[in-house]
Each structure stands twice: as C-alpha cells, then as structure tokens.
Protein backbone atom coordinates (compact mmCIF):
# COMPACT_ATOMS: atom_id res chain seq x y z
CA MET A 1 226.19 41.95 135.72
CA ALA A 2 228.19 38.48 136.95
CA ILE A 3 226.52 36.08 139.07
CA GLY A 4 227.26 36.57 142.39
CA GLN A 5 228.43 40.37 141.74
CA ARG A 6 226.61 42.67 144.37
CA ARG A 7 224.22 45.24 143.04
CA PRO A 8 225.00 48.59 144.74
CA PHE A 9 222.12 50.05 146.96
CA GLN A 10 220.89 53.37 145.60
CA VAL A 11 218.12 55.51 147.18
CA HIS A 12 216.31 58.21 144.93
CA ASN A 13 214.19 60.94 146.89
CA VAL A 14 211.31 62.04 144.03
CA VAL A 15 209.61 65.02 145.47
CA SER A 16 206.02 66.11 144.29
CA GLY A 17 204.80 69.16 146.74
CA ASP A 18 205.10 68.09 150.00
CA ASP A 19 205.10 64.18 149.36
CA HIS A 20 208.24 62.27 148.84
CA THR A 21 208.94 58.91 147.34
CA LEU A 22 212.17 56.99 148.27
CA ILE A 23 212.90 54.83 145.12
CA LEU A 24 215.12 52.02 146.40
CA SER A 25 217.17 50.03 144.42
CA GLY A 26 219.89 47.33 144.50
CA GLU A 27 220.70 45.38 147.69
CA LEU A 28 219.65 46.88 150.93
CA ASP A 29 221.50 45.23 153.72
CA ALA A 30 223.37 46.52 156.81
CA ILE A 31 226.32 47.87 154.41
CA ALA A 32 223.78 50.25 153.13
CA GLY A 33 221.14 50.68 155.95
CA ASP A 34 222.52 53.88 157.02
CA GLU A 35 222.04 55.84 153.72
CA LEU A 36 218.34 54.86 153.96
CA GLU A 37 217.77 56.08 157.26
CA VAL A 38 219.25 59.47 156.52
CA ALA A 39 217.07 59.43 153.55
CA ILE A 40 213.81 58.53 155.53
CA ILE A 41 214.99 61.15 158.15
CA SER A 42 215.25 63.94 155.59
CA CYS A 43 211.65 63.37 154.86
CA ALA A 44 210.53 64.33 158.48
CA LYS A 45 208.58 67.12 157.44
CA ALA A 46 206.60 65.43 154.16
CA ALA A 47 203.00 65.03 154.05
CA LYS A 48 203.42 61.95 152.59
CA LEU A 49 206.43 59.32 152.73
CA THR A 50 206.11 56.22 149.95
CA LEU A 51 209.01 53.80 150.26
CA ASP A 52 209.10 51.90 146.56
CA LEU A 53 210.60 48.56 146.88
CA THR A 54 210.18 47.49 143.34
CA GLY A 55 213.87 48.14 142.26
CA LEU A 56 215.26 46.11 145.33
CA THR A 57 216.88 42.80 144.50
CA PHE A 58 217.93 41.93 148.02
CA MET A 59 216.80 43.23 151.56
CA ASP A 60 217.71 41.56 154.85
CA SER A 61 216.41 42.36 158.36
CA THR A 62 218.18 45.75 158.05
CA ALA A 63 215.30 46.70 155.76
CA LEU A 64 212.51 45.67 157.88
CA THR A 65 213.94 47.38 160.71
CA LEU A 66 214.07 50.83 158.53
CA PHE A 67 210.62 50.30 157.08
CA LEU A 68 209.51 50.27 160.72
CA LEU A 69 211.63 53.30 161.58
CA ALA A 70 209.84 55.05 158.61
CA ARG A 71 206.44 54.05 160.01
CA ASP A 72 206.95 55.06 163.21
CA LEU A 73 208.56 58.56 162.26
CA CYS A 74 205.42 59.19 159.92
CA LYS A 75 203.36 58.36 162.84
CA ALA A 76 204.90 60.70 165.26
CA ARG A 77 204.86 63.31 162.84
CA GLY A 78 201.14 62.84 161.30
CA ILE A 79 202.70 61.70 157.71
CA VAL A 80 200.95 59.64 155.62
CA PHE A 81 203.10 56.35 155.01
CA ALA A 82 202.81 53.96 152.27
CA LEU A 83 204.86 51.20 150.80
CA ILE A 84 204.82 49.79 147.17
CA PRO A 85 205.95 46.32 147.58
CA GLY A 86 208.62 44.84 145.62
CA ALA A 87 208.49 41.62 143.42
CA GLY A 88 208.58 37.79 144.02
CA HIS A 89 210.19 36.91 147.61
CA LEU A 90 210.75 40.53 148.27
CA GLU A 91 206.97 41.39 147.97
CA THR A 92 206.07 38.69 150.58
CA ALA A 93 208.60 40.58 153.14
CA SER A 94 207.39 43.80 152.17
CA GLN A 95 203.62 43.06 152.96
CA LEU A 96 204.46 42.45 156.49
CA ASP A 97 201.68 44.06 158.57
CA LEU A 98 203.27 47.31 159.47
CA GLY A 99 200.47 48.34 161.46
CA PRO A 100 197.32 50.24 160.47
CA GLU A 101 199.18 53.30 159.52
CA ALA A 102 200.82 51.21 156.74
CA SER A 103 199.26 51.30 153.18
CA THR A 104 200.20 50.12 149.73
C-alpha cells in the first residue's frame, strides 16, 4: 500500500452462539461510521458484544462515539460488552474508561 493511501474500513461479525465479535479493520472515521453503527445495532439481541480493534489503522472521535453507543446499547439490553484494544496509539485511545460495563 502506498504512503498516504487510505485503508478502507471493514467490519466482520463473527458469531458464536449468542455472542457477537465485531472485528474492525482499516480506518474508522466519519466516512465509515455508518457501517459500524449498523453492525452494532444488528447485535442488539446478543448475549455478549465484543469490539475487536486490533485491525484498526486509524480512528477519530467518530470511533469513540460509536464505542459509547455500543456500550450504552449493551447496558440497556443487559448484554455483556467488551473491547479488545488496538495497537500503539490506538491502544491508548481504546482503553479510555467507558464505564463499569466495559472490560478487556
């Protein structure tokens, strides 16, 4: 991939029983936010929702807003919520305290 070339955002929903893991990769920003929002809402009947951030190469404040959406949806529906942090500077951002519902 050439320097400066955007790595497209992708989300894959891996289902195991009633547990959903959304595996995120590429650049998560306002352009890609709708795709993740739809994926989060589609997991509204899960027993557990995990967001795996290890494949992200970039995220902006849109990502944090969507992580909070996921946390709040899970709290409202009694779903266990977890984050798998990304690497480097993304790890720092993804480890922000999202409240007592969040776990890694």
